[in-house]
Amino acid sequence: MPILLFLIDTSASMNQRTYLGTTYLDIAKGAVEIFMKLRARDPASRGDRYMLVTFDDPPYGVKAGWKENHATFMSELKNLQASGLTTLGHALRAAFDLLNLNRLVSGIDNYGQGRNPFFLEPSVIITITDGNKLTHTSGVPDELHLPLTSPLPGSELTKEPFRWDQRLFALVLRLPGAATPDSEQLGSVPNDESAITQMCEVTGGRSYCVRTQRMLNQCLDSLVQKVLSGVVINFEKTGPDPPLVGEDGMVDPSRPVLSFSPQPWHSCHKLIYVRPNPKTGVPVGHWPIPESFWPDQNSPALPPRSAHPMVRFTCVDCEPMVIDKLPFDKYELEPSPLTQYILERKSPHMCWQVFVNSSGKHSDLAQPFGYLKASTTLSCVNLFVMPYNYPVVLPLLDDLFKVHKLKPNLKWRQAFEIYLKTMPPYFLLVMYYLVYIYSFQSL
């Protein structure tokens, strides 16, 4: 069920009039209504939840939250007035806190037990502002700052105020007060240069610099396409670049690797799509992405995690591994320089392993938990999530099922015990459950 939170600038500067004869606040209200009509064309919109937050001082900034219905949302939107300061930082913090209100109770973040992409509450925050100077009762700040503290229990467990399934987008209204000659060129709308742009990019979103009504409509069409079920991940290359390949997809030894400087595909901050089950409407998965620390039962508190996991990949070609009866999770990557580079190599039968640093028991040691692989048709790149250190455990489980018929000998037990000592403990329950299911089905 996607959450669509509109954060509307209600500072006094939103009363300025444009060449259309309407105020910026009028345009913002109209933009929300247009977005809702466009979104309603998608059958998946039936489960949407709309929220409304303004720049008013807390707690009055939340106009429609978890308890308010659609009629209340529309009534509050219609009655908005512009009279306050441009307290963007505090308003953003209030918006994130509203979204995160129930997460600790629901257990969706699964702190200390790995990150499950299929535990998500996809949220899109759409800020509509005029991009004017930030103002506060204490003065005019030069930079955007969000309050560091939050009243929500558990907020200290994530370093940032947002989560990996929450993305921020901004419509920055730059419509002039007087009509100008129509020299507008159709094409992509540029990012704005205001303080909110960097915050948008950090969450996996972007800003739009809106100069005309036509550009606004184009941006709203784009935003409707951004309502996707997924989570944002940092992908970063480790180790050397791969050998170059020829047009036939084979390694070409005559083409040396000349990558001494960072390339765009070396580091990408993108979404992985977590698609719901067509029958139930709920995403299904099995394996977590490892934590960047080894859980210590003697520690009084969990270390805080980054909102977006850092998944590192090596460019060493490996053969994909799967075994019968043991499921794996597959997530398509949002198009990026990384996906383009992998697809251009035309190697759909090879994969690159992925790791999370410090996920192992000893310092920075980490074992692969899956791999990146181009689809057979070379139409997209997928992240396969498997059991931790899958190159070791998959052959063991395959032998357990096919050779030992679920009655392992001493040698197998010893090898499996060695593996278990290197596996983060939160993988254990999933492993035992899936083996139990297989055993039950084999009876």
Protein backbone atom coordinates (compact mmCIF):
# COMPACT_ATOMS: atom_id res chain seq x y z
CA MET A 1 0.00 0.00 0.00
CA PRO A 2 1.91 3.09 -1.19
CA ILE A 3 1.89 6.18 1.00
CA LEU A 4 1.79 9.51 -0.82
CA LEU A 5 2.68 12.38 1.49
CA PHE A 6 2.33 15.94 0.21
CA LEU A 7 4.45 18.50 2.03
CA ILE A 8 3.09 21.93 1.08
CA ASP A 9 5.02 25.15 1.64
CA THR A 10 2.64 27.47 3.53
CA SER A 11 5.12 30.28 4.10
CA ALA A 12 3.94 33.82 3.32
CA SER A 13 5.95 33.94 0.08
CA MET A 14 3.56 31.35 -1.42
CA ASN A 15 1.03 34.22 -1.73
CA GLN A 16 2.98 35.74 -4.64
CA ARG A 17 1.07 35.73 -7.91
CA THR A 18 2.22 34.25 -11.20
CA TYR A 19 1.56 35.31 -14.78
CA LEU A 20 -1.49 33.01 -14.66
CA GLY A 21 -3.13 35.28 -12.08
CA THR A 22 -3.06 32.60 -9.38
CA THR A 23 -0.85 32.37 -6.30
CA TYR A 24 1.83 29.76 -5.80
CA LEU A 25 -0.34 28.17 -3.11
CA ASP A 26 -3.25 27.90 -5.57
CA ILE A 27 -0.93 26.20 -8.05
CA ALA A 28 0.28 23.81 -5.33
CA LYS A 29 -3.29 22.84 -4.43
CA GLY A 30 -4.16 22.31 -8.09
CA ALA A 31 -1.03 20.20 -8.60
CA VAL A 32 -2.09 17.84 -5.80
CA GLU A 33 -5.53 17.37 -7.37
CA ILE A 34 -4.07 16.77 -10.85
CA PHE A 35 -1.63 14.21 -9.42
CA MET A 36 -4.46 12.34 -7.69
CA LYS A 37 -6.49 12.19 -10.92
CA LEU A 38 -3.50 10.89 -12.88
CA ARG A 39 -2.69 8.34 -10.21
CA ALA A 40 -6.32 7.12 -10.07
CA ARG A 41 -5.94 5.75 -13.62
CA ASP A 42 -3.69 2.99 -12.26
CA PRO A 43 -5.65 0.05 -10.74
CA ALA A 44 -2.85 -0.27 -8.15
CA SER A 45 -3.89 3.11 -6.71
CA ARG A 46 -6.83 1.57 -4.83
CA GLY A 47 -4.65 0.95 -1.81
CA ASP A 48 -3.02 4.40 -1.77
CA ARG A 49 -2.93 6.37 1.48
CA TYR A 50 -2.66 10.16 1.20
CA MET A 51 -1.14 12.38 3.88
CA LEU A 52 -0.84 16.17 4.09
CA VAL A 53 1.82 18.12 6.01
CA THR A 54 2.54 21.86 5.93
CA PHE A 55 5.20 24.26 7.22
CA ASP A 56 3.03 25.21 10.23
CA ASP A 57 4.62 24.89 13.66
CA PRO A 58 4.28 21.41 15.20
CA PRO A 59 1.98 19.76 15.98
CA TYR A 60 -0.27 21.82 13.69
CA GLY A 61 1.69 20.99 10.54
CA VAL A 62 0.15 17.52 10.18
CA LYS A 63 -3.19 18.15 8.49
CA ALA A 64 -3.96 14.57 7.43
CA GLY A 65 -2.05 11.60 8.84
CA TRP A 66 -2.72 7.97 9.73
CA LYS A 67 -6.19 8.51 11.21
CA GLU A 68 -7.71 10.98 8.72
CA ASN A 69 -9.75 9.77 5.75
CA HIS A 70 -9.73 11.00 2.15
CA ALA A 71 -12.51 13.54 2.74
CA THR A 72 -10.50 15.14 5.55
CA PHE A 73 -7.42 15.26 3.30
CA MET A 74 -9.34 17.13 0.58
CA SER A 75 -10.96 19.51 3.06
CA GLU A 76 -7.64 20.38 4.71
CA LEU A 77 -6.00 20.86 1.30
CA LYS A 78 -8.73 23.26 0.20
CA ASN A 79 -8.45 25.34 3.39
CA LEU A 80 -4.66 25.80 3.42
CA GLN A 81 -3.46 29.37 4.04
CA ALA A 82 0.02 30.80 3.46
CA SER A 83 1.18 32.92 6.39
CA GLY A 84 4.22 31.41 8.12
CA LEU A 85 7.98 31.03 7.75
CA THR A 86 9.94 28.77 5.37
CA THR A 87 10.79 26.18 8.02
CA LEU A 88 11.61 23.45 5.50
CA GLY A 89 13.95 21.47 7.76
CA HIS A 90 11.46 21.14 10.61
CA ALA A 91 8.64 20.33 8.17
CA LEU A 92 10.67 17.55 6.53
CA ARG A 93 11.50 16.10 9.93
CA ALA A 94 7.81 16.15 10.86
CA ALA A 95 6.97 14.37 7.59
CA PHE A 96 9.54 11.62 8.14
CA ASP A 97 8.49 11.19 11.78
CA LEU A 98 4.88 10.82 10.67
CA LEU A 99 5.83 8.08 8.21
CA ASN A 100 7.98 6.32 10.81
CA LEU A 101 5.41 6.50 13.60
CA ASN A 102 4.47 2.81 13.58
CA ARG A 103 7.61 1.18 12.17
CA LEU A 104 9.14 0.09 15.47
CA VAL A 105 5.86 -1.52 16.57
CA SER A 106 5.35 -3.28 13.23
CA GLY A 107 8.96 -4.52 13.16
CA ILE A 108 9.27 -3.58 9.51
CA ASP A 109 12.90 -2.44 9.89
CA ASN A 110 13.96 -5.72 11.54
CA TYR A 111 16.87 -4.08 13.38
CA GLY A 112 19.80 -6.39 14.05
CA GLN A 113 18.30 -9.26 12.04
CA GLY A 114 19.17 -8.28 8.48
CA ARG A 115 17.24 -6.07 6.08
CA ASN A 116 14.30 -7.69 4.33
CA PRO A 117 13.43 -5.88 1.08
CA PHE A 118 10.02 -7.56 1.17
CA PHE A 119 9.25 -5.84 4.51
CA LEU A 120 8.48 -2.38 3.15
CA GLU A 121 6.05 0.50 3.22
CA PRO A 122 6.80 2.33 -0.06
CA SER A 123 6.41 6.07 0.50
CA VAL A 124 6.77 9.04 -1.83
CA ILE A 125 7.06 12.50 -0.29
CA ILE A 126 6.21 15.27 -2.74
CA THR A 127 7.23 18.72 -1.54
CA ILE A 128 5.76 21.74 -3.34
CA THR A 129 7.61 24.96 -2.53
CA ASP A 130 8.74 28.23 -4.09
CA GLY A 131 12.40 27.58 -3.26
CA ASN A 132 12.84 30.91 -1.45
CA LYS A 133 15.33 31.52 1.34
CA LEU A 134 14.88 29.35 4.40
CA THR A 135 13.60 31.29 7.39
CA HIS A 136 13.27 30.47 11.05
CA THR A 137 12.39 32.31 14.24
CA SER A 138 16.12 32.40 15.03
CA GLY A 139 17.17 33.88 11.68
CA VAL A 140 17.84 33.02 8.03
CA PRO A 141 19.91 29.82 7.75
CA ASP A 142 22.17 29.35 4.73
CA GLU A 143 21.79 25.56 4.60
CA LEU A 144 19.00 23.06 5.06
CA HIS A 145 19.22 21.35 8.45
CA LEU A 146 16.79 18.80 9.85
CA PRO A 147 16.44 18.56 13.65
CA LEU A 148 18.73 15.80 14.89
CA THR A 149 16.47 14.53 17.64
CA SER A 150 13.16 12.75 17.26
CA PRO A 151 10.57 11.82 19.90
CA LEU A 152 9.98 8.45 18.23
CA PRO A 153 11.29 5.38 20.11
CA GLY A 154 13.87 3.56 18.01
CA SER A 155 14.74 6.56 15.84
CA GLU A 156 18.32 6.33 17.13
CA LEU A 157 18.72 2.97 15.34
CA THR A 158 18.90 4.68 11.92
CA LYS A 159 21.45 7.41 11.26
CA GLU A 160 19.18 9.35 8.89
CA PRO A 161 15.60 10.55 9.47
CA PHE A 162 14.32 8.60 6.44
CA ARG A 163 14.23 4.89 5.58
CA TRP A 164 15.19 2.95 2.45
CA ASP A 165 11.59 2.75 1.17
CA GLN A 166 10.97 6.52 1.47
CA ARG A 167 11.93 8.87 -1.39
CA LEU A 168 11.65 12.64 -1.48
CA PHE A 169 10.72 14.62 -4.60
CA ALA A 170 10.32 18.38 -4.86
CA LEU A 171 8.37 20.60 -7.24
CA VAL A 172 10.08 23.98 -6.93
CA LEU A 173 7.79 26.62 -8.43
CA ARG A 174 9.68 29.24 -10.45
CA LEU A 175 6.79 30.63 -12.48
CA PRO A 176 7.38 34.33 -13.25
CA GLY A 177 4.99 37.10 -12.29
CA ALA A 178 4.79 38.44 -15.85
CA ALA A 179 4.15 36.50 -19.03
CA THR A 180 7.21 35.77 -21.17
CA PRO A 181 7.51 34.76 -24.85
CA ASP A 182 6.76 31.05 -25.29
CA SER A 183 10.26 29.75 -25.95
CA GLU A 184 9.80 26.58 -23.91
CA GLN A 185 11.45 23.48 -25.30
CA LEU A 186 9.96 20.07 -24.66
CA GLY A 187 12.34 17.73 -22.90
CA SER A 188 13.50 16.74 -19.45
CA VAL A 189 12.87 19.20 -16.63
CA PRO A 190 16.11 20.27 -14.91
CA ASN A 191 16.85 19.91 -11.22
CA ASP A 192 16.36 23.00 -9.10
CA GLU A 193 19.30 24.69 -7.40
CA SER A 194 17.58 25.24 -4.04
CA ALA A 195 18.51 23.67 -0.71
CA ILE A 196 16.06 20.78 -1.00
CA THR A 197 17.67 19.26 -4.11
CA GLN A 198 20.51 17.54 -2.26
CA MET A 199 18.09 16.11 0.28
CA CYS A 200 15.99 14.68 -2.54
CA GLU A 201 19.01 13.01 -4.13
CA VAL A 202 20.15 11.52 -0.82
CA THR A 203 16.83 9.68 -0.47
CA GLY A 204 16.87 8.43 -4.06
CA GLY A 205 14.51 11.12 -5.39
CA ARG A 206 15.03 14.38 -7.28
CA SER A 207 13.81 17.97 -7.60
CA TYR A 208 12.13 19.69 -10.55
CA CYS A 209 12.57 23.35 -11.51
CA VAL A 210 9.06 24.32 -12.69
CA ARG A 211 8.83 27.49 -14.80
CA THR A 212 5.52 27.05 -16.66
CA GLN A 213 2.19 25.28 -16.25
CA ARG A 214 3.15 22.93 -19.06
CA MET A 215 6.34 21.97 -17.22
CA LEU A 216 4.30 21.38 -14.07
CA ASN A 217 2.00 18.98 -15.92
CA GLN A 218 5.04 17.19 -17.33
CA CYS A 219 6.51 16.86 -13.83
CA LEU A 220 3.26 15.47 -12.43
CA ASP A 221 3.21 12.83 -15.19
CA SER A 222 6.77 11.94 -14.21
CA LEU A 223 5.95 11.76 -10.50
CA VAL A 224 3.06 9.37 -11.07
CA GLN A 225 5.59 7.00 -12.67
CA LYS A 226 7.77 7.25 -9.53
CA VAL A 227 5.17 5.55 -7.33
CA LEU A 228 6.94 2.20 -7.26
CA SER A 229 7.30 -0.60 -4.76
CA GLY A 230 10.98 -0.84 -3.93
CA VAL A 231 13.90 0.08 -1.69
CA VAL A 232 17.00 2.19 -2.34
CA ILE A 233 20.43 0.55 -2.14
CA ASN A 234 23.98 1.85 -2.59
CA PHE A 235 25.91 -0.36 -5.02
CA GLU A 236 29.68 0.12 -5.01
CA LYS A 237 32.42 -1.69 -6.89
CA THR A 238 35.30 -3.25 -5.00
CA GLY A 239 38.44 -4.64 -6.61
CA PRO A 240 39.64 -4.20 -10.21
CA ASP A 241 37.48 -3.54 -13.24
CA PRO A 242 36.54 -6.57 -15.36
CA PRO A 243 38.37 -7.40 -18.59
CA LEU A 244 36.76 -5.81 -21.61
CA VAL A 245 34.61 -7.92 -23.89
CA GLY A 246 34.22 -7.90 -27.65
CA GLU A 247 31.01 -7.58 -29.63
CA ASP A 248 30.48 -11.35 -29.36
CA GLY A 249 30.39 -11.13 -25.56
CA MET A 250 33.73 -12.95 -25.19
CA VAL A 251 36.69 -11.54 -23.25
CA ASP A 252 39.00 -9.67 -25.61
CA PRO A 253 42.61 -9.89 -24.30
CA SER A 254 43.73 -7.33 -26.87
CA ARG A 255 41.62 -4.64 -25.17
CA PRO A 256 43.36 -3.64 -21.93
CA VAL A 257 41.48 -2.32 -18.92
CA LEU A 258 42.19 1.41 -18.72
CA SER A 259 40.05 2.43 -15.75
CA PHE A 260 42.31 4.38 -13.40
CA SER A 261 39.66 6.98 -12.57
CA PRO A 262 36.19 6.45 -11.06
CA GLN A 263 33.50 5.60 -13.58
CA PRO A 264 29.76 6.37 -13.17
CA TRP A 265 28.94 2.66 -12.87
CA HIS A 266 31.40 2.15 -10.01
CA SER A 267 28.97 3.66 -7.50
CA CYS A 268 25.20 3.86 -7.94
CA HIS A 269 22.42 4.88 -5.58
CA LYS A 270 19.32 3.26 -7.02
CA LEU A 271 16.05 1.48 -6.38
CA ILE A 272 15.48 -2.26 -6.54
CA TYR A 273 11.90 -3.11 -7.45
CA VAL A 274 10.07 -5.22 -4.86
CA ARG A 275 7.00 -6.36 -6.73
CA PRO A 276 3.95 -7.66 -4.85
CA ASN A 277 2.57 -11.14 -5.35
CA PRO A 278 -0.17 -10.87 -8.04
CA LYS A 279 -2.55 -13.04 -6.00
CA THR A 280 -2.13 -11.52 -2.54
CA GLY A 281 -0.85 -8.04 -3.37
CA VAL A 282 1.91 -8.52 -0.77
CA PRO A 283 5.62 -8.94 -1.60
CA VAL A 284 7.07 -12.37 -0.84
CA GLY A 285 10.69 -13.07 0.02
CA HIS A 286 12.93 -15.31 2.07
CA TRP A 287 16.46 -13.99 2.59
CA PRO A 288 17.67 -10.76 4.23
CA ILE A 289 20.45 -8.46 3.10
CA PRO A 290 23.09 -8.83 5.86
CA GLU A 291 23.71 -6.19 8.51
CA SER A 292 27.05 -4.36 8.39
CA PHE A 293 27.96 -5.74 11.82
CA TRP A 294 28.02 -9.08 13.61
CA PRO A 295 25.28 -9.18 16.31
CA ASP A 296 26.75 -9.29 19.81
CA GLN A 297 24.44 -10.69 22.48
CA ASN A 298 26.52 -9.00 25.19
CA SER A 299 26.19 -5.52 23.68
CA PRO A 300 23.71 -3.27 25.54
CA ALA A 301 22.54 -1.61 22.30
CA LEU A 302 22.51 -2.15 18.55
CA PRO A 303 24.80 0.05 16.45
CA PRO A 304 22.85 2.51 14.27
CA ARG A 305 22.56 1.55 10.61
CA SER A 306 22.54 3.73 7.49
CA ALA A 307 19.14 4.11 5.85
CA HIS A 308 20.50 2.64 2.60
CA PRO A 309 22.68 -0.50 2.82
CA MET A 310 26.07 -0.41 1.13
CA VAL A 311 26.20 -3.45 -1.14
CA ARG A 312 29.61 -4.02 -2.72
CA PHE A 313 30.15 -6.07 -5.86
CA THR A 314 33.23 -7.62 -7.42
CA CYS A 315 33.73 -7.75 -11.18
CA VAL A 316 34.90 -11.37 -11.24
CA ASP A 317 32.74 -13.51 -13.51
CA CYS A 318 31.15 -16.41 -11.64
CA GLU A 319 28.61 -18.99 -12.64
CA PRO A 320 25.16 -18.46 -11.09
CA MET A 321 24.19 -21.03 -8.46
CA VAL A 322 20.73 -22.33 -7.57
CA ILE A 323 19.55 -25.70 -6.26
CA ASP A 324 16.22 -27.46 -6.41
CA LYS A 325 13.73 -26.86 -3.60
CA LEU A 326 15.68 -24.01 -1.97
CA PRO A 327 14.16 -20.65 -2.93
CA PHE A 328 16.02 -17.48 -3.81
CA ASP A 329 14.84 -13.87 -4.11
CA LYS A 330 15.19 -11.87 -7.32
CA TYR A 331 14.88 -8.08 -7.56
CA GLU A 332 15.17 -6.01 -10.72
CA LEU A 333 17.48 -2.98 -10.53
CA GLU A 334 16.30 0.45 -11.59
CA PRO A 335 18.10 1.51 -14.81
CA SER A 336 21.45 3.16 -14.02
CA PRO A 337 25.02 3.40 -15.37
CA LEU A 338 25.69 0.10 -13.57
CA THR A 339 22.86 -1.79 -15.27
CA GLN A 340 23.82 -0.28 -18.63
CA TYR A 341 27.44 -1.40 -18.21
CA ILE A 342 26.45 -4.96 -17.25
CA LEU A 343 23.99 -5.27 -20.14
CA GLU A 344 26.53 -3.96 -22.65
CA ARG A 345 28.87 -6.80 -21.68
CA LYS A 346 26.28 -9.27 -23.04
CA SER A 347 27.14 -11.99 -20.52
CA PRO A 348 23.77 -13.26 -19.26
CA HIS A 349 25.24 -16.56 -18.09
CA MET A 350 27.77 -14.98 -15.73
CA CYS A 351 27.26 -13.04 -12.51
CA TRP A 352 29.08 -10.73 -10.09
CA GLN A 353 28.96 -11.59 -6.39
CA VAL A 354 27.72 -9.06 -3.82
CA PHE A 355 28.85 -8.50 -0.22
CA VAL A 356 28.17 -6.29 2.80
CA ASN A 357 31.35 -5.24 4.60
CA SER A 358 31.73 -6.33 8.24
CA SER A 359 28.79 -8.74 7.97
CA GLY A 360 31.06 -11.65 8.91
CA LYS A 361 32.16 -12.69 12.36
CA HIS A 362 35.71 -11.38 12.07
CA SER A 363 36.26 -7.63 11.49
CA ASP A 364 35.83 -6.66 7.82
CA LEU A 365 35.50 -10.23 6.58
CA ALA A 366 32.39 -10.70 4.46
CA GLN A 367 31.02 -13.56 2.40
CA PRO A 368 28.76 -13.26 -0.67
CA PHE A 369 25.02 -13.26 -0.05
CA GLY A 370 23.98 -13.17 -3.71
CA TYR A 371 24.93 -11.79 -7.09
CA LEU A 372 24.14 -9.33 -9.87
CA LYS A 373 23.19 -10.91 -13.18
CA ALA A 374 21.81 -9.73 -16.50
CA SER A 375 18.54 -11.35 -17.56
CA THR A 376 18.72 -13.96 -20.31
CA THR A 377 17.11 -11.53 -22.75
CA LEU A 378 19.51 -8.72 -21.71
CA SER A 379 16.53 -6.51 -20.90
CA CYS A 380 17.40 -5.79 -17.26
CA VAL A 381 19.80 -6.60 -14.40
CA ASN A 382 18.63 -8.50 -11.33
CA LEU A 383 19.93 -8.78 -7.79
CA PHE A 384 19.69 -12.38 -6.58
CA VAL A 385 19.59 -12.70 -2.78
CA MET A 386 20.62 -16.11 -1.43
CA PRO A 387 21.68 -17.67 1.88
CA TYR A 388 24.80 -16.10 3.41
CA ASN A 389 27.99 -17.53 1.86
CA TYR A 390 25.87 -19.39 -0.67
CA PRO A 391 28.86 -20.92 -2.58
CA VAL A 392 29.55 -23.03 0.52
CA VAL A 393 26.07 -23.84 1.81
CA LEU A 394 24.23 -24.57 -1.47
CA PRO A 395 26.38 -27.63 -2.35
CA LEU A 396 25.96 -28.85 1.24
CA LEU A 397 22.18 -28.54 1.10
CA ASP A 398 22.09 -30.11 -2.35
CA ASP A 399 23.93 -33.14 -0.95
CA LEU A 400 21.59 -33.22 2.04
CA PHE A 401 18.54 -33.41 -0.21
CA LYS A 402 19.81 -35.60 -3.05
CA VAL A 403 22.63 -37.74 -1.66
CA HIS A 404 21.85 -38.16 2.03
CA LYS A 405 18.04 -38.00 1.66
CA LEU A 406 17.83 -35.78 4.78
CA LYS A 407 19.89 -38.30 6.81
CA PRO A 408 23.37 -36.73 6.85
CA ASN A 409 26.51 -38.57 7.90
CA LEU A 410 29.13 -37.31 10.35
CA LYS A 411 31.31 -35.70 7.68
CA TRP A 412 28.37 -33.65 6.38
CA ARG A 413 27.39 -32.58 9.90
CA GLN A 414 30.90 -31.38 10.65
CA ALA A 415 31.07 -29.36 7.43
CA PHE A 416 27.67 -27.82 8.13
CA GLU A 417 28.64 -26.91 11.71
CA ILE A 418 31.74 -25.11 10.41
CA TYR A 419 29.52 -23.16 8.01
CA LEU A 420 27.03 -22.24 10.75
CA LYS A 421 29.80 -20.65 12.82
CA THR A 422 30.50 -18.18 9.99
CA MET A 423 26.84 -17.41 9.22
CA PRO A 424 25.10 -14.44 10.90
CA PRO A 425 22.66 -15.97 13.40
CA TYR A 426 19.60 -14.25 11.92
CA PHE A 427 19.92 -16.45 8.81
CA LEU A 428 19.54 -19.56 10.95
CA LEU A 429 15.77 -19.41 11.49
CA VAL A 430 15.08 -18.94 7.77
CA MET A 431 17.43 -21.80 6.91
CA TYR A 432 15.84 -24.24 9.36
CA TYR A 433 12.33 -23.25 8.31
CA LEU A 434 12.99 -23.84 4.61
CA VAL A 435 14.74 -27.17 5.25
CA TYR A 436 11.78 -28.20 7.43
CA ILE A 437 9.32 -27.28 4.66
CA TYR A 438 11.33 -29.34 2.18
CA SER A 439 11.42 -32.28 4.61
CA PHE A 440 7.65 -32.08 5.07
CA GLN A 441 7.04 -31.97 1.31
CA SER A 442 9.30 -34.98 0.79
CA LEU A 443 7.27 -37.24 3.08
